[in-house]
PDB file of all heavy atoms in Angstrom:
ATOM      1  N   THR A   1    -180.034  25.248  67.168  1.00  0.00           N
ATOM      2  CA  THR A   1    -179.695  23.890  67.565  1.00  0.00           C
ATOM      3  C   THR A   1    -180.473  22.916  66.692  1.00  0.00           C
ATOM      4  O   THR A   1    -181.672  23.114  66.442  1.00  0.00           O
ATOM      5  CB  THR A   1    -180.067  23.651  69.046  1.00  0.00           C
ATOM      6  OG1 THR A   1    -179.383  24.619  69.841  1.00  0.00           O
ATOM      7  CG2 THR A   1    -179.675  22.264  69.503  1.00  0.00           C
ATOM      8  N   VAL A   2    -179.801  21.861  66.238  1.00  0.00           N
ATOM      9  CA  VAL A   2    -180.455  20.829  65.429  1.00  0.00           C
ATOM     10  C   VAL A   2    -181.403  20.044  66.318  1.00  0.00           C
ATOM     11  O   VAL A   2    -181.015  19.495  67.340  1.00  0.00           O
ATOM     12  CB  VAL A   2    -179.411  19.890  64.783  1.00  0.00           C
ATOM     13  CG1 VAL A   2    -180.102  18.732  64.065  1.00  0.00           C
ATOM     14  CG2 VAL A   2    -178.513  20.662  63.825  1.00  0.00           C
ATOM     15  N   ARG A   3    -182.682  19.991  65.921  1.00  0.00           N
ATOM     16  CA  ARG A   3    -183.715  19.290  66.683  1.00  0.00           C
ATOM     17  C   ARG A   3    -184.199  18.005  66.028  1.00  0.00           C
ATOM     18  O   ARG A   3    -184.958  17.256  66.619  1.00  0.00           O
ATOM     19  CB  ARG A   3    -184.916  20.214  66.894  1.00  0.00           C
ATOM     20  CG  ARG A   3    -184.668  21.318  67.888  1.00  0.00           C
ATOM     21  CD  ARG A   3    -184.723  20.735  69.299  1.00  0.00           C
ATOM     22  NE  ARG A   3    -184.437  21.707  70.314  1.00  0.00           N
ATOM     23  CZ  ARG A   3    -185.329  22.393  70.994  1.00  0.00           C
ATOM     24  NH1 ARG A   3    -186.602  22.233  70.735  1.00  0.00           N
ATOM     25  NH2 ARG A   3    -184.961  23.238  71.918  1.00  0.00           N
ATOM     26  N   SER A   4    -183.789  17.768  64.770  1.00  0.00           N
ATOM     27  CA  SER A   4    -184.173  16.518  64.110  1.00  0.00           C
ATOM     28  C   SER A   4    -183.053  16.101  63.174  1.00  0.00           C
ATOM     29  O   SER A   4    -182.349  16.940  62.616  1.00  0.00           O
ATOM     30  CB  SER A   4    -185.473  16.671  63.332  1.00  0.00           C
ATOM     31  OG  SER A   4    -185.259  17.456  62.168  1.00  0.00           O
ATOM     32  N   LEU A   5    -182.915  14.813  62.999  1.00  0.00           N
ATOM     33  CA  LEU A   5    -181.967  14.311  62.013  1.00  0.00           C
ATOM     34  C   LEU A   5    -182.502  14.615  60.622  1.00  0.00           C
ATOM     35  O   LEU A   5    -183.707  14.770  60.432  1.00  0.00           O
ATOM     36  CB  LEU A   5    -181.775  12.810  62.196  1.00  0.00           C
ATOM     37  CG  LEU A   5    -181.119  12.386  63.511  1.00  0.00           C
ATOM     38  CD1 LEU A   5    -181.087  10.874  63.612  1.00  0.00           C
ATOM     39  CD2 LEU A   5    -179.727  12.975  63.647  1.00  0.00           C
ATOM     40  N   PRO A   6    -181.623  14.718  59.622  1.00  0.00           N
ATOM     41  CA  PRO A   6    -182.097  14.973  58.269  1.00  0.00           C
ATOM     42  C   PRO A   6    -183.112  13.917  57.830  1.00  0.00           C
ATOM     43  O   PRO A   6    -182.903  12.714  58.002  1.00  0.00           O
ATOM     44  CB  PRO A   6    -180.818  14.892  57.432  1.00  0.00           C
ATOM     45  CG  PRO A   6    -179.729  15.274  58.389  1.00  0.00           C
ATOM     46  CD  PRO A   6    -180.155  14.681  59.697  1.00  0.00           C
ATOM     47  N   ALA A   7    -184.220  14.392  57.290  1.00  0.00           N
ATOM     48  CA  ALA A   7    -185.292  13.513  56.817  1.00  0.00           C
ATOM     49  C   ALA A   7    -186.073  14.258  55.745  1.00  0.00           C
ATOM     50  O   ALA A   7    -186.067  15.485  55.687  1.00  0.00           O
ATOM     51  CB  ALA A   7    -186.215  13.132  57.970  1.00  0.00           C
ATOM     52  N   LEU A   8    -186.770  13.505  54.918  1.00  0.00           N
ATOM     53  CA  LEU A   8    -187.598  14.128  53.895  1.00  0.00           C
ATOM     54  C   LEU A   8    -188.783  14.820  54.549  1.00  0.00           C
ATOM     55  O   LEU A   8    -189.523  14.206  55.324  1.00  0.00           O
ATOM     56  CB  LEU A   8    -188.086  13.084  52.899  1.00  0.00           C
ATOM     57  CG  LEU A   8    -187.020  12.503  51.977  1.00  0.00           C
ATOM     58  CD1 LEU A   8    -187.606  11.385  51.131  1.00  0.00           C
ATOM     59  CD2 LEU A   8    -186.418  13.584  51.095  1.00  0.00           C
ATOM     60  N   SER A   9    -188.933  16.104  54.263  1.00  0.00           N
ATOM     61  CA  SER A   9    -190.070  16.865  54.776  1.00  0.00           C
ATOM     62  C   SER A   9    -190.281  18.092  53.893  1.00  0.00           C
ATOM     63  O   SER A   9    -189.458  18.401  53.040  1.00  0.00           O
ATOM     64  CB  SER A   9    -189.858  17.268  56.240  1.00  0.00           C
ATOM     65  OG  SER A   9    -188.800  18.192  56.350  1.00  0.00           O
ATOM     66  N   GLU A  10    -191.394  18.757  54.130  1.00  0.00           N
ATOM     67  CA  GLU A  10    -191.744  19.949  53.354  1.00  0.00           C
ATOM     68  C   GLU A  10    -191.676  21.184  54.245  1.00  0.00           C
ATOM     69  O   GLU A  10    -191.712  21.083  55.468  1.00  0.00           O
ATOM     70  CB  GLU A  10    -193.158  19.807  52.793  1.00  0.00           C
ATOM     71  CG  GLU A  10    -193.300  18.652  51.837  1.00  0.00           C
ATOM     72  CD  GLU A  10    -194.667  18.603  51.176  1.00  0.00           C
ATOM     73  OE1 GLU A  10    -195.260  19.670  50.937  1.00  0.00           O
ATOM     74  OE2 GLU A  10    -195.127  17.488  50.910  1.00  0.00           O
ATOM     75  N   ASP A  11    -191.621  22.362  53.605  1.00  0.00           N
ATOM     76  CA  ASP A  11    -191.728  23.613  54.342  1.00  0.00           C
ATOM     77  C   ASP A  11    -193.096  23.697  54.999  1.00  0.00           C
ATOM     78  O   ASP A  11    -194.082  23.180  54.463  1.00  0.00           O
ATOM     79  CB  ASP A  11    -191.600  24.826  53.395  1.00  0.00           C
ATOM     80  CG  ASP A  11    -190.170  25.149  53.025  1.00  0.00           C
ATOM     81  OD1 ASP A  11    -189.275  25.030  53.871  1.00  0.00           O
ATOM     82  OD2 ASP A  11    -189.959  25.548  51.858  1.00  0.00           O
ATOM     83  N   THR A  12    -193.163  24.373  56.132  1.00  0.00           N
ATOM     84  CA  THR A  12    -194.456  24.666  56.734  1.00  0.00           C
ATOM     85  C   THR A  12    -195.090  25.817  55.961  1.00  0.00           C
ATOM     86  O   THR A  12    -194.432  26.494  55.168  1.00  0.00           O
ATOM     87  CB  THR A  12    -194.306  25.072  58.211  1.00  0.00           C
ATOM     88  OG1 THR A  12    -193.568  26.303  58.274  1.00  0.00           O
ATOM     89  CG2 THR A  12    -193.600  23.989  59.024  1.00  0.00           C
ATOM     90  N   GLU A  13    -196.357  26.060  56.204  1.00  0.00           N
ATOM     91  CA  GLU A  13    -197.048  27.171  55.555  1.00  0.00           C
ATOM     92  C   GLU A  13    -196.358  28.497  55.866  1.00  0.00           C
ATOM     93  O   GLU A  13    -196.190  29.348  54.992  1.00  0.00           O
ATOM     94  CB  GLU A  13    -198.504  27.210  56.040  1.00  0.00           C
ATOM     95  CG  GLU A  13    -199.493  27.479  54.947  1.00  0.00           C
ATOM     96  CD  GLU A  13    -200.911  27.360  55.456  1.00  0.00           C
ATOM     97  OE1 GLU A  13    -201.403  26.228  55.558  1.00  0.00           O
ATOM     98  OE2 GLU A  13    -201.507  28.419  55.734  1.00  0.00           O
ATOM     99  N   ALA A  14    -195.955  28.686  57.115  1.00  0.00           N
ATOM    100  CA  ALA A  14    -195.275  29.930  57.518  1.00  0.00           C
ATOM    101  C   ALA A  14    -193.941  30.085  56.793  1.00  0.00           C
ATOM    102  O   ALA A  14    -193.549  31.199  56.431  1.00  0.00           O
ATOM    103  CB  ALA A  14    -195.068  29.945  59.032  1.00  0.00           C
ATOM    104  N   GLU A  15    -193.235  28.976  56.561  1.00  0.00           N
ATOM    105  CA  GLU A  15    -191.952  29.048  55.865  1.00  0.00           C
ATOM    106  C   GLU A  15    -192.134  29.361  54.383  1.00  0.00           C
ATOM    107  O   GLU A  15    -191.369  30.138  53.810  1.00  0.00           O
ATOM    108  CB  GLU A  15    -191.191  27.722  56.041  1.00  0.00           C
ATOM    109  CG  GLU A  15    -190.736  27.502  57.466  1.00  0.00           C
ATOM    110  CD  GLU A  15    -190.323  26.080  57.766  1.00  0.00           C
ATOM    111  OE1 GLU A  15    -190.705  25.141  57.023  1.00  0.00           O
ATOM    112  OE2 GLU A  15    -189.629  25.883  58.774  1.00  0.00           O
ATOM    113  N   VAL A  16    -193.165  28.810  53.763  1.00  0.00           N
ATOM    114  CA  VAL A  16    -193.430  29.066  52.344  1.00  0.00           C
ATOM    115  C   VAL A  16    -193.700  30.547  52.120  1.00  0.00           C
ATOM    116  O   VAL A  16    -193.294  31.119  51.105  1.00  0.00           O
ATOM    117  CB  VAL A  16    -194.609  28.195  51.833  1.00  0.00           C
ATOM    118  CG1 VAL A  16    -195.064  28.629  50.447  1.00  0.00           C
ATOM    119  CG2 VAL A  16    -194.210  26.730  51.826  1.00  0.00           C
ATOM    120  N   GLU A  17    -194.341  31.203  53.067  1.00  0.00           N
ATOM    121  CA  GLU A  17    -194.650  32.632  52.936  1.00  0.00           C
ATOM    122  C   GLU A  17    -193.403  33.509  52.907  1.00  0.00           C
ATOM    123  O   GLU A  17    -193.476  34.674  52.532  1.00  0.00           O
ATOM    124  CB  GLU A  17    -195.576  33.070  54.072  1.00  0.00           C
ATOM    125  CG  GLU A  17    -196.961  32.471  53.960  1.00  0.00           C
ATOM    126  CD  GLU A  17    -197.861  32.868  55.109  1.00  0.00           C
ATOM    127  OE1 GLU A  17    -197.519  33.800  55.861  1.00  0.00           O
ATOM    128  OE2 GLU A  17    -198.917  32.225  55.251  1.00  0.00           O
ATOM    129  N   LEU A  18    -192.255  32.984  53.271  1.00  0.00           N
ATOM    130  CA  LEU A  18    -191.022  33.766  53.320  1.00  0.00           C
ATOM    131  C   LEU A  18    -190.257  33.784  51.999  1.00  0.00           C
ATOM    132  O   LEU A  18    -189.246  34.453  51.880  1.00  0.00           O
ATOM    133  CB  LEU A  18    -190.123  33.258  54.450  1.00  0.00           C
ATOM    134  CG  LEU A  18    -190.758  33.375  55.840  1.00  0.00           C
ATOM    135  CD1 LEU A  18    -189.886  32.707  56.884  1.00  0.00           C
ATOM    136  CD2 LEU A  18    -191.013  34.823  56.201  1.00  0.00           C
ATOM    137  N   TYR A  19    -190.760  33.045  51.001  1.00  0.00           N
ATOM    138  CA  TYR A  19    -190.177  33.118  49.662  1.00  0.00           C
ATOM    139  C   TYR A  19    -190.769  34.350  48.982  1.00  0.00           C
ATOM    140  O   TYR A  19    -191.964  34.599  49.085  1.00  0.00           O
ATOM    141  CB  TYR A  19    -190.517  31.863  48.851  1.00  0.00           C
ATOM    142  CG  TYR A  19    -189.848  30.604  49.358  1.00  0.00           C
ATOM    143  CD1 TYR A  19    -190.520  29.715  50.187  1.00  0.00           C
ATOM    144  CD2 TYR A  19    -188.531  30.310  49.005  1.00  0.00           C
ATOM    145  CE1 TYR A  19    -189.906  28.555  50.646  1.00  0.00           C
ATOM    146  CE2 TYR A  19    -187.917  29.159  49.465  1.00  0.00           C
ATOM    147  CZ  TYR A  19    -188.602  28.286  50.288  1.00  0.00           C
ATOM    148  OH  TYR A  19    -187.999  27.144  50.742  1.00  0.00           O
ATOM    149  N   PRO A  20    -189.951  35.141  48.268  1.00  0.00           N
ATOM    150  CA  PRO A  20    -190.498  36.352  47.628  1.00  0.00           C
ATOM    151  C   PRO A  20    -191.549  36.037  46.568  1.00  0.00           C
ATOM    152  O   PRO A  20    -192.481  36.806  46.382  1.00  0.00           O
ATOM    153  CB  PRO A  20    -189.279  37.033  47.010  1.00  0.00           C
ATOM    154  CG  PRO A  20    -188.193  36.028  47.017  1.00  0.00           C
ATOM    155  CD  PRO A  20    -188.536  34.993  48.039  1.00  0.00           C
ATOM    156  N   ASP A  21    -191.401  34.955  45.873  1.00  0.00           N
ATOM    157  CA  ASP A  21    -192.384  34.537  44.876  1.00  0.00           C
ATOM    158  C   ASP A  21    -192.907  33.171  45.302  1.00  0.00           C
ATOM    159  O   ASP A  21    -193.731  33.067  46.168  1.00  0.00           O
ATOM    160  CB  ASP A  21    -191.753  34.474  43.479  1.00  0.00           C
ATOM    161  CG  ASP A  21    -191.281  35.848  43.016  1.00  0.00           C
ATOM    162  OD1 ASP A  21    -192.064  36.812  43.157  1.00  0.00           O
ATOM    163  OD2 ASP A  21    -190.142  35.966  42.553  1.00  0.00           O
ATOM    164  N   GLU A  22    -192.377  32.151  44.715  1.00  0.00           N
ATOM    165  CA  GLU A  22    -192.674  30.779  45.133  1.00  0.00           C
ATOM    166  C   GLU A  22    -191.335  30.087  45.353  1.00  0.00           C
ATOM    167  O   GLU A  22    -190.305  30.546  44.867  1.00  0.00           O
ATOM    168  CB  GLU A  22    -193.510  30.044  44.090  1.00  0.00           C
ATOM    169  CG  GLU A  22    -192.819  29.836  42.771  1.00  0.00           C
ATOM    170  CD  GLU A  22    -193.681  29.038  41.817  1.00  0.00           C
ATOM    171  OE1 GLU A  22    -194.875  29.335  41.707  1.00  0.00           O
ATOM    172  OE2 GLU A  22    -193.148  28.125  41.183  1.00  0.00           O
ATOM    173  N   PRO A  23    -191.319  29.003  46.102  1.00  0.00           N
ATOM    174  CA  PRO A  23    -190.051  28.309  46.315  1.00  0.00           C
ATOM    175  C   PRO A  23    -189.445  27.867  44.987  1.00  0.00           C
ATOM    176  O   PRO A  23    -190.167  27.417  44.097  1.00  0.00           O
ATOM    177  CB  PRO A  23    -190.439  27.094  47.159  1.00  0.00           C
ATOM    178  CG  PRO A  23    -191.747  27.440  47.786  1.00  0.00           C
ATOM    179  CD  PRO A  23    -192.424  28.361  46.806  1.00  0.00           C
ATOM    180  N   PRO A  24    -188.124  28.016  44.842  1.00  0.00           N
ATOM    181  CA  PRO A  24    -187.475  27.483  43.641  1.00  0.00           C
ATOM    182  C   PRO A  24    -187.728  25.970  43.555  1.00  0.00           C
ATOM    183  O   PRO A  24    -187.950  25.322  44.583  1.00  0.00           O
ATOM    184  CB  PRO A  24    -185.990  27.768  43.873  1.00  0.00           C
ATOM    185  CG  PRO A  24    -185.956  28.835  44.909  1.00  0.00           C
ATOM    186  CD  PRO A  24    -187.186  28.655  45.746  1.00  0.00           C
ATOM    187  N   PRO A  25    -187.685  25.409  42.353  1.00  0.00           N
ATOM    188  CA  PRO A  25    -187.988  23.980  42.192  1.00  0.00           C
ATOM    189  C   PRO A  25    -187.196  23.064  43.129  1.00  0.00           C
ATOM    190  O   PRO A  25    -187.732  22.086  43.631  1.00  0.00           O
ATOM    191  CB  PRO A  25    -187.645  23.706  40.729  1.00  0.00           C
ATOM    192  CG  PRO A  25    -187.816  25.024  40.051  1.00  0.00           C
ATOM    193  CD  PRO A  25    -187.406  26.049  41.068  1.00  0.00           C
ATOM    194  N   ASP A  26    -185.925  23.381  43.373  1.00  0.00           N
ATOM    195  CA  ASP A  26    -185.119  22.494  44.220  1.00  0.00           C
ATOM    196  C   ASP A  26    -185.381  22.691  45.715  1.00  0.00           C
ATOM    197  O   ASP A  26    -184.717  22.086  46.549  1.00  0.00           O
ATOM    198  CB  ASP A  26    -183.635  22.603  43.892  1.00  0.00           C
ATOM    199  CG  ASP A  26    -183.080  24.009  44.007  1.00  0.00           C
ATOM    200  OD1 ASP A  26    -183.870  24.978  43.948  1.00  0.00           O
ATOM    201  OD2 ASP A  26    -181.868  24.151  44.163  1.00  0.00           O
ATOM    202  N   PHE A  27    -186.370  23.521  46.064  1.00  0.00           N
ATOM    203  CA  PHE A  27    -186.788  23.683  47.453  1.00  0.00           C
ATOM    204  C   PHE A  27    -188.244  23.248  47.650  1.00  0.00           C
ATOM    205  O   PHE A  27    -188.741  23.245  48.766  1.00  0.00           O
ATOM    206  CB  PHE A  27    -186.638  25.141  47.907  1.00  0.00           C
ATOM    207  CG  PHE A  27    -185.214  25.541  48.147  1.00  0.00           C
ATOM    208  CD1 PHE A  27    -184.397  25.923  47.102  1.00  0.00           C
ATOM    209  CD2 PHE A  27    -184.675  25.521  49.423  1.00  0.00           C
ATOM    210  CE1 PHE A  27    -183.079  26.289  47.306  1.00  0.00           C
ATOM    211  CE2 PHE A  27    -183.364  25.887  49.651  1.00  0.00           C
ATOM    212  CZ  PHE A  27    -182.551  26.264  48.582  1.00  0.00           C
ATOM    213  N   GLN A  28    -188.931  22.931  46.558  1.00  0.00           N
ATOM    214  CA  GLN A  28    -190.338  22.573  46.638  1.00  0.00           C
ATOM    215  C   GLN A  28    -190.523  21.122  47.069  1.00  0.00           C
ATOM    216  O   GLN A  28    -189.670  20.271  46.807  1.00  0.00           O
ATOM    217  CB  GLN A  28    -191.017  22.784  45.286  1.00  0.00           C
ATOM    218  CG  GLN A  28    -191.118  24.226  44.889  1.00  0.00           C
ATOM    219  CD  GLN A  28    -191.762  24.400  43.523  1.00  0.00           C
ATOM    220  OE1 GLN A  28    -192.264  23.464  42.928  1.00  0.00           O
ATOM    221  NE2 GLN A  28    -191.738  25.632  43.032  1.00  0.00           N
ATOM    222  N   GLY A  29    -191.642  20.876  47.715  1.00  0.00           N
ATOM    223  CA  GLY A  29    -192.002  19.502  48.071  1.00  0.00           C
ATOM    224  C   GLY A  29    -191.077  18.902  49.107  1.00  0.00           C
ATOM    225  O   GLY A  29    -190.407  19.613  49.857  1.00  0.00           O
TER     226      GLY A  29
END
């Protein structure tokens, strides 16, 4: 379920850990 309207934000630390290497450039920041 959508809990927030689209807004500029970053991945949480836990979410960043789910990338096999590092987030691709278009997912960073």
